[in-house]
Protein backbone atom coordinates (compact mmCIF):
# COMPACT_ATOMS: atom_id res chain seq x y z
CA MET A 1 63.87 158.34 67.47
CA SER A 2 65.20 160.80 64.21
CA ASP A 3 64.44 163.40 63.38
CA PHE A 4 63.57 164.79 60.08
CA HIS A 5 66.24 167.33 59.40
CA GLN A 6 67.56 167.41 55.42
CA GLU A 7 71.31 168.76 55.06
CA GLY A 8 70.74 169.44 51.45
CA ILE A 9 73.44 167.64 49.13
CA ILE A 10 71.90 164.44 49.28
CA THR A 11 68.53 162.73 50.82
CA THR A 12 68.15 161.68 54.40
CA LEU A 13 65.65 158.71 55.67
CA HIS A 14 64.85 159.33 59.34
CA ALA A 15 63.74 156.74 61.27
CA LEU A 16 59.88 157.93 61.67
CA TYR A 17 58.47 154.84 62.07
CA GLU A 18 59.45 154.56 65.61
CA ALA A 19 56.51 156.24 66.52
CA PHE A 20 54.10 154.17 65.87
CA ASP A 21 53.80 150.09 65.89
CA ARG A 22 56.90 148.31 64.96
CA GLU A 23 55.43 145.20 64.08
CA ALA A 24 52.81 146.92 62.09
CA TYR A 25 55.38 148.47 60.24
CA LEU A 26 57.44 145.50 58.85
CA VAL A 27 54.38 143.72 57.91
CA ASP A 28 53.71 146.74 55.49
CA LEU A 29 57.38 147.34 54.67
CA GLU A 30 57.81 143.05 53.19
CA ARG A 31 54.30 143.53 52.15
CA LYS A 32 56.25 146.64 49.69
CA LEU A 33 58.87 144.54 48.76
CA GLU A 34 57.16 141.16 47.60
CA GLU A 35 55.38 143.81 45.42
CA TYR A 36 58.54 145.70 44.48
CA ALA A 37 60.07 142.37 43.85
CA LYS A 38 58.03 141.51 41.47
CA HIS A 39 59.12 143.88 39.19
CA VAL A 40 63.11 143.85 39.95
CA LYS A 41 65.27 140.80 41.13
CA ILE A 42 66.99 141.70 44.27
CA SER A 43 70.13 139.90 45.40
CA LEU A 44 72.26 140.01 49.09
CA LEU A 45 75.32 139.91 48.94
CA LEU A 46 76.82 138.63 52.10
CA PRO A 47 80.80 139.14 52.63
CA SER A 48 81.67 136.26 55.21
CA LEU A 49 84.90 135.30 57.01
CA TYR A 50 84.80 131.42 58.40
CA SER A 51 85.28 132.42 61.39
CA GLU A 52 82.42 133.94 61.60
CA MET A 53 80.39 130.80 60.80
CA GLN A 54 81.82 130.02 64.74
CA THR A 55 80.06 132.86 66.59
CA PRO A 56 76.41 131.14 65.97
CA HIS A 57 74.84 133.46 68.66
CA VAL A 58 75.47 136.43 65.89
CA LEU A 59 75.46 134.84 62.47
CA GLU A 60 72.21 132.13 63.64
CA HIS A 61 70.43 135.03 64.12
CA ILE A 62 71.29 136.64 60.94
CA LEU A 63 70.04 134.25 59.51
CA ASP A 64 66.93 133.28 60.89
CA GLU A 65 66.01 136.86 60.46
CA ILE A 66 66.88 136.53 56.75
CA GLN A 67 64.95 133.22 55.34
CA LYS A 68 62.05 134.94 56.71
CA VAL A 69 62.19 137.64 53.93
CA LYS A 70 60.06 136.76 50.79
CA TYR A 71 61.77 139.54 48.38
CA LEU A 72 64.88 137.98 47.88
CA HIS A 73 65.19 136.45 44.03
CA SER A 74 68.75 135.40 45.37
CA VAL A 75 71.74 135.52 48.13
CA VAL A 76 75.53 135.42 47.61
CA VAL A 77 77.80 134.35 50.53
CA ALA A 78 81.54 136.10 49.88
CA LEU A 79 83.60 133.70 51.79
CA GLY A 80 87.03 133.99 52.42
CA GLY A 81 89.20 132.35 55.86
CA ALA A 82 88.48 129.21 53.83
CA GLN A 83 91.41 127.48 52.17
CA GLU A 84 90.27 123.95 52.90
CA GLN A 85 87.68 122.03 50.57
CA GLU A 86 86.07 121.36 54.04
CA LYS A 87 85.94 124.63 55.34
CA PHE A 88 84.14 125.37 52.15
CA LYS A 89 81.77 122.52 52.37
CA ALA A 90 80.78 123.75 55.44
CA ALA A 91 79.80 126.99 54.26
CA LYS A 92 77.76 125.52 51.56
CA GLU A 93 76.05 123.27 54.03
CA TYR A 94 75.39 126.34 56.97
CA PHE A 95 74.23 129.00 54.36
CA GLY A 96 72.11 126.76 52.13
CA ARG A 97 69.09 126.87 55.78
CA LEU A 98 68.71 130.01 53.23
CA ARG A 99 67.61 128.42 49.97
CA THR A 100 63.93 128.44 48.98
CA PRO A 101 62.32 127.33 45.88
CA LYS A 102 62.08 130.71 44.63
CA ARG A 103 65.54 132.13 46.64
CA ASP A 104 68.87 130.28 45.12
CA VAL A 105 71.95 130.85 46.87
CA LYS A 106 75.29 130.21 45.73
CA VAL A 107 78.54 130.88 48.07
CA VAL A 108 81.79 131.85 46.32
CA TRP A 109 84.68 130.15 47.16
CA VAL A 110 87.34 132.88 47.25
CA GLU A 111 90.12 131.76 48.01
CA GLY A 112 88.71 128.02 46.16
CA PRO A 113 91.33 127.01 42.97
CA ARG A 114 88.75 127.92 40.16
CA ILE A 115 88.10 130.88 41.58
CA GLN A 116 92.34 131.73 41.97
CA LYS A 117 92.63 130.48 38.44
CA ILE A 118 90.57 133.47 37.29
CA PHE A 119 91.82 135.87 39.14
CA GLN A 120 95.76 135.03 37.37
CA LYS A 121 93.72 135.27 33.96
CA ILE A 122 92.75 138.90 35.58
CA GLU A 123 96.28 139.34 36.29
CA LYS A 124 98.04 138.14 32.98
CA ARG A 125 96.43 140.93 31.58
CA GLU A 126 98.09 143.09 34.11
CA ILE A 127 95.16 144.36 35.65
CA ALA A 128 95.59 144.22 39.86
CA THR A 129 93.26 141.96 41.57
CA GLY A 130 94.57 143.34 45.17
CA VAL A 131 95.24 140.75 48.22
CA GLN A 132 92.80 138.70 50.16
CA GLY A 133 89.69 140.60 52.13
CA LYS A 134 86.71 141.64 52.58
CA GLY A 135 87.15 144.18 49.27
CA GLN A 136 88.49 142.13 46.99
CA SER A 137 85.50 139.39 47.80
CA VAL A 138 82.45 141.73 47.46
CA TRP A 139 84.60 142.47 44.56
CA MET A 140 84.38 138.79 42.79
CA ALA A 141 80.81 138.47 44.36
CA LEU A 142 79.82 141.59 42.48
CA GLY A 143 81.50 139.61 39.66
CA TYR A 144 79.16 136.75 39.20
CA LEU A 145 76.24 138.69 39.74
CA ILE A 146 76.69 140.37 37.02
CA ALA A 147 77.76 137.40 34.80
CA LYS A 148 74.70 136.07 36.23
CA GLU A 149 72.20 138.85 34.60
CA GLU A 150 69.54 137.92 37.34
CA THR A 151 70.18 140.88 39.35
CA ASP A 152 68.67 144.02 39.49
CA VAL A 153 69.16 145.33 43.10
CA VAL A 154 71.65 144.68 44.92
CA ALA A 155 72.15 145.01 48.97
CA LEU A 156 75.58 144.76 51.02
CA HIS A 157 75.98 144.26 54.88
CA ASP A 158 78.44 142.43 57.03
CA CYS A 159 77.87 138.87 59.00
CA ASP A 160 78.84 140.42 62.23
CA ILE A 161 75.75 142.72 63.13
CA VAL A 162 74.73 141.49 66.75
CA THR A 163 71.87 143.56 66.84
CA TYR A 164 70.38 142.13 63.59
CA ASP A 165 66.51 142.14 62.50
CA ARG A 166 64.69 141.87 59.77
CA ILE A 167 63.84 145.63 59.25
CA LEU A 168 66.77 146.48 58.99
CA LEU A 169 67.69 144.77 55.28
CA GLY A 170 64.09 145.70 54.20
CA ARG A 171 64.64 149.67 55.02
CA LEU A 172 68.18 149.04 53.40
CA ILE A 173 66.91 147.95 50.14
CA GLU A 174 63.53 149.84 50.29
CA PRO A 175 65.09 152.94 48.43
CA THR A 176 66.25 151.54 45.86
CA ALA A 177 63.92 148.75 44.88
CA ASN A 178 61.46 151.45 45.26
CA PRO A 179 60.51 152.18 41.79
CA ASN A 180 58.66 154.81 42.45
CA ASN A 181 61.17 156.79 43.35
CA ASP A 182 64.50 157.49 41.70
CA PHE A 183 67.30 156.18 44.06
CA GLU A 184 70.56 154.44 42.83
CA PHE A 185 72.97 153.76 46.05
CA CYS A 186 71.35 154.12 49.10
CA LYS A 187 73.84 154.11 52.11
CA GLY A 188 72.91 152.53 55.81
CA PHE A 189 73.26 154.53 59.17
CA TYR A 190 72.60 154.14 62.14
CA SER A 191 73.29 154.62 66.21
CA ARG A 192 76.47 152.88 67.52
CA ILE A 193 75.64 152.66 71.29
CA SER A 194 77.06 149.73 73.08
CA PRO A 195 74.43 148.71 75.47
CA GLU A 196 76.61 146.75 77.76
CA ASP A 197 78.39 149.68 79.59
CA ARG A 198 76.50 152.69 77.88
CA MET A 199 79.16 154.53 76.42
CA MET A 200 78.89 155.81 72.10
CA LYS A 201 81.23 153.29 69.83
CA GLY A 202 82.50 154.18 65.96
CA ARG A 203 85.83 155.72 67.07
CA VAL A 204 87.25 155.62 63.75
CA THR A 205 84.13 157.94 61.73
CA ARG A 206 83.31 159.65 65.45
CA LEU A 207 87.55 161.04 66.14
CA PHE A 208 89.37 160.31 62.70
CA VAL A 209 86.69 160.69 59.54
CA THR A 210 84.07 163.51 60.19
CA PRO A 211 86.48 165.72 61.70
CA LEU A 212 89.07 165.22 58.86
CA VAL A 213 86.74 165.26 56.16
CA ASP A 214 84.74 168.55 58.25
CA VAL A 215 88.29 170.29 58.67
CA MET A 216 89.26 169.41 54.52
CA ALA A 217 85.83 170.88 53.26
CA ARG A 218 87.04 174.62 55.42
CA ILE A 219 91.08 174.64 53.74
CA MET A 220 89.79 173.88 50.45
CA ARG A 221 87.48 176.44 50.59
CA GLU A 222 89.42 178.81 52.26
CA ARG A 223 92.53 177.95 48.75
CA GLY A 224 89.99 177.92 45.42
CA PHE A 225 89.40 174.30 45.37
CA GLU A 226 85.59 173.98 44.80
CA ASP A 227 85.64 170.93 43.71
CA LEU A 228 87.37 169.54 46.47
CA ARG A 229 85.55 171.06 48.76
CA GLN A 230 82.49 169.55 47.36
CA PHE A 231 83.38 166.23 47.24
CA PHE A 232 84.65 166.73 51.45
CA SER A 233 81.46 168.59 51.88
CA TYR A 234 79.31 165.19 50.47
CA HIS A 235 81.58 162.71 52.72
CA ARG A 236 80.47 165.19 55.12
CA THR A 237 76.93 165.09 54.87
CA PHE A 238 76.78 161.17 55.87
CA CYS A 239 75.98 160.20 59.02
CA TYR A 240 78.16 156.86 59.13
CA PRO A 241 80.44 156.79 56.09
CA LEU A 242 82.00 153.61 57.12
CA ALA A 243 78.82 151.71 57.59
CA GLY A 244 79.59 148.86 55.62
CA GLU A 245 75.77 148.63 54.72
CA PHE A 246 74.80 149.56 50.98
CA SER A 247 72.28 149.12 48.59
CA PHE A 248 72.50 149.90 44.88
CA LEU A 249 71.63 149.05 41.35
CA MET A 250 73.51 146.61 39.15
CA ARG A 251 73.85 148.51 36.79
CA LEU A 252 76.81 151.12 38.41
CA ALA A 253 77.98 147.86 40.73
CA LYS A 254 80.04 147.36 36.92
CA GLY A 255 81.29 150.92 36.66
CA ILE A 256 82.85 151.52 40.64
CA ASN A 257 86.30 150.18 41.49
CA ILE A 258 86.51 148.42 44.91
CA ALA A 259 88.86 149.42 47.48
CA TYR A 260 90.61 145.92 49.08
CA ASP A 261 91.80 147.41 51.85
CA TRP A 262 89.78 149.35 54.80
CA GLY A 263 89.48 152.27 52.81
CA LEU A 264 86.67 150.39 51.30
CA GLU A 265 83.60 152.31 52.09
CA VAL A 266 85.38 155.80 51.67
CA SER A 267 86.26 154.98 48.62
CA THR A 268 82.59 153.56 47.75
CA LEU A 269 81.06 156.82 48.20
CA SER A 270 83.79 158.72 46.05
CA GLU A 271 83.20 156.46 43.75
CA VAL A 272 79.68 156.55 43.51
CA TYR A 273 80.23 160.97 43.94
CA LYS A 274 81.76 160.32 40.35
CA ARG A 275 79.04 158.17 38.80
CA LEU A 276 75.81 159.93 39.69
CA ILE A 277 74.05 163.05 40.39
CA LEU A 278 73.51 163.46 43.99
CA GLN A 279 69.77 163.08 43.71
CA LYS A 280 70.51 159.75 42.76
CA ILE A 281 71.94 158.72 46.37
CA VAL A 282 69.77 158.66 49.85
CA GLN A 283 70.89 158.00 53.40
CA VAL A 284 68.85 155.79 55.44
CA ASP A 285 68.79 155.09 59.22
CA LEU A 286 68.40 151.34 59.69
CA ALA A 287 68.56 150.69 63.06
CA LYS A 288 67.77 152.39 66.71
CA ASN A 289 71.39 150.17 67.37
CA TYR A 290 74.04 148.91 65.87
CA GLU A 291 76.59 146.82 67.60
CA HIS A 292 79.19 144.28 66.16
CA LYS A 293 82.37 143.17 66.80
CA HIS A 294 85.36 145.95 67.68
CA GLN A 295 88.84 146.52 66.92
CA GLU A 296 91.60 147.48 69.05
CA VAL A 297 93.67 150.48 68.27
CA SER A 298 97.35 148.76 68.44
CA PRO A 299 99.23 152.12 68.76
CA GLN A 300 102.45 149.96 67.97
CA ASP A 301 101.16 147.76 65.31
CA ALA A 302 100.03 149.77 61.96
CA ASN A 303 99.18 146.31 60.46
CA LYS A 304 96.31 145.49 62.96
CA GLY A 305 93.44 147.52 64.68
CA LEU A 306 92.20 150.93 64.14
CA HIS A 307 95.78 151.82 63.22
CA ARG A 308 95.83 150.43 60.32
CA MET A 309 92.12 151.54 59.43
CA VAL A 310 92.77 154.75 59.92
CA VAL A 311 96.45 155.11 57.75
CA ASP A 312 94.31 152.66 54.68
CA ILE A 313 91.77 155.80 55.23
CA GLY A 314 93.87 158.88 55.24
CA LYS A 315 96.04 157.45 52.95
CA PHE A 316 92.56 157.49 50.62
CA TYR A 317 91.60 161.14 51.46
CA LEU A 318 95.30 162.01 50.61
CA ASN A 319 95.75 160.76 47.70
CA TYR A 320 92.67 162.08 45.96
CA VAL A 321 93.48 165.66 46.97
CA ARG A 322 96.86 165.02 45.15
CA SER A 323 95.02 163.11 42.08
CA HIS A 324 92.53 166.48 42.10
CA GLY A 325 95.42 168.93 41.68
CA PHE A 326 95.87 170.05 45.29
CA PRO A 327 99.86 169.99 45.90
CA LEU A 328 100.74 168.57 49.37
CA ASP A 329 104.20 168.78 50.80
CA ASP A 330 105.32 167.82 55.10
CA ALA A 331 104.52 171.65 55.79
CA MET A 332 100.44 171.45 54.04
CA VAL A 333 99.76 167.69 55.72
CA ASP A 334 101.66 169.29 59.48
CA MET A 335 98.64 172.09 58.61
CA ILE A 336 95.99 169.36 57.79
CA LEU A 337 97.24 167.72 61.31
CA HIS A 338 96.94 170.41 63.59
CA SER A 339 94.03 171.51 61.88
CA TYR A 340 92.80 168.60 62.21
CA TYR A 341 93.58 167.81 66.04
CA GLU A 342 91.79 171.37 67.01
CA ASN A 343 88.64 170.34 64.98
CA VAL A 344 88.66 166.95 66.88
CA LEU A 345 88.61 168.59 70.07
CA LEU A 346 85.93 170.75 69.45
CA PHE A 347 83.44 167.60 68.51
CA ILE A 348 85.10 165.58 71.62
CA ARG A 349 83.52 168.24 73.68
CA ARG A 350 80.25 168.11 72.14
CA TYR A 351 80.23 164.50 71.50
CA SER A 352 80.96 165.25 76.04
CA ASP A 353 78.10 167.41 76.39
CA ASP A 354 75.93 164.92 74.49
CA ALA A 355 76.51 161.83 76.44
CA GLU A 356 75.88 163.89 79.46
CA VAL A 357 72.40 164.68 78.52
CA ASN A 358 71.81 161.43 77.74
CA ASP A 359 73.26 159.77 80.62
CA LEU A 360 76.50 157.82 79.35
CA VAL A 361 79.68 156.56 80.38
CA TYR A 362 81.96 159.23 78.64
CA ASP A 363 85.79 159.18 78.64
CA ARG A 364 87.00 162.78 77.21
CA HIS A 365 90.84 161.78 78.43
CA LEU A 366 90.31 158.69 76.45
CA GLU A 367 88.77 160.05 73.47
CA GLU A 368 91.24 162.67 73.44
CA LEU A 369 94.23 160.59 73.73
CA LEU A 370 93.52 158.40 70.52
CA ALA A 371 92.51 161.26 69.04
CA GLN A 372 96.60 162.07 69.44
CA TYR A 373 97.19 158.86 68.23
CA PHE A 374 95.35 159.26 64.79
CA ARG A 375 97.20 162.54 64.38
CA GLY A 376 100.33 160.29 64.53
CA PHE A 377 98.39 157.75 62.13
CA LEU A 378 97.55 160.29 59.91
CA TRP A 379 100.94 161.31 59.53
CA GLU A 380 101.83 158.07 59.02
CA ALA A 381 99.71 157.67 55.91
CA TRP A 382 100.92 160.94 54.63
CA GLU A 383 104.34 158.88 54.54
CA GLN A 384 103.68 156.24 53.30
CA SER A 385 101.62 157.70 50.04
CA LYS A 386 104.16 159.75 49.55
CA GLY A 387 106.00 159.56 45.68
CA PRO A 388 104.73 156.13 43.34
CA HIS A 389 102.55 153.68 44.97
CA GLU A 390 100.13 151.08 43.50
CA SER A 391 96.74 151.89 43.73
CA THR A 392 94.38 150.12 46.33
CA LEU A 393 91.18 150.50 43.71
CA ILE A 394 90.34 146.83 42.01
CA PRO A 395 89.42 147.96 38.63
CA SER A 396 85.43 147.84 37.48
CA TRP A 397 83.99 144.90 35.84
CA ASN A 398 83.13 147.60 32.99
CA ARG A 399 86.90 147.43 32.10
CA VAL A 400 87.74 143.94 33.26
CA PHE A 401 85.27 142.81 30.48
CA TYR A 402 86.90 144.78 27.82
CA SER A 403 90.40 143.01 29.03
CA VAL A 404 89.56 139.49 29.49
CA PRO A 405 87.60 138.13 27.12
CA GLY A 406 85.15 135.42 28.17
CA ILE A 407 85.05 136.60 31.52
CA TYR A 408 81.78 136.38 33.02
CA THR A 409 82.03 132.70 31.51
CA HIS A 410 84.92 131.53 33.50
CA ILE A 411 83.37 133.46 36.37
CA LEU A 412 80.05 131.78 36.20
CA GLU A 413 81.53 128.44 35.40
CA ALA A 414 82.89 128.57 38.62
CA VAL A 415 81.33 129.42 41.08
CA GLU A 416 78.40 127.38 39.24
CA LYS A 417 80.92 124.13 39.74
CA ASP A 418 81.77 124.93 43.18
CA ASN A 419 78.37 125.04 44.30
CA LEU A 420 77.74 121.30 42.52
CA ASN A 421 76.27 118.66 45.50
């Protein structure tokens, strides 16, 4: 059970309900959400790879839980990894079980010919649409929801959550759907402990993002860059910045740029930071524990696993500070690398102590070795970010709307025709 400590920069909503009857809490939570749904229309966006349909013990359970929910107005699946029409048809049938007389379900066939023509229309106006992946799929699905004009609040979560239940979904949505508060963006967080081997997971968050933004806030303070200090302090406040679960108002969805690489989560936090006052941002504890598939480190292959993830995230932060007036050169980045490494060793000692008191397995040597890899990956990020480069952000739908006349009509027609039986 979590405490009730508030960091002070943004609001944190804790899992205090765990002290009481869990089933009774779920009944009350869904009753409230069903009441909210009379006044606001809530949609769920599910980015899913076709391959995730091949792991039924995970996705089947997620769909079983969603089927029990009554407060969702619609479910939109952003389908990736399905170039063949047969796969798309299978996905329509598979996710179609979520449809009810009061809930619509649509599958956005991102790699289908109709959606691909829309990408081409946008690119003809010299607007980048990124490359195929979760970010691009989410961006196109948001475009459909905007075009549909029937959603006030949208929630997003992945389809590989082993420990999924309806409380997670309800708690993710409640802060932004609740008319009695003023939140416009909600970020989920949770513990990451593997129940099989009793080990801490979330390696990139624990050993890279958190120690890095922590030390960057200190560096910016020491050099008098107050705006950047506030930016990194904001990122430091999030308990799990790489969590893929969040909900937000649709008017915010229209204005944010979406990253198409592994920087999706941290760039989304940054987009929200630019567009909202901090009082409208909240993070919520979603679950006692959260388990999903894990990435390999891939130290020798920069295009895979945690290697690529760390490089993409590192590039985002380095490019951000340069674009906000902080000059970087080899000497400065070298100092950042050494400061990060010294800081992550301190974090590792804390993780070790935490594991010890909780009777977890903790390989301190392996954690320090991973931190050495991450330090090297950060230098790779610097080498790749030097000089002019293409942004990994897909422009907001507000930007596209003013450049491509009739774009929403095109998206609406494409998705609706794809989903005809």
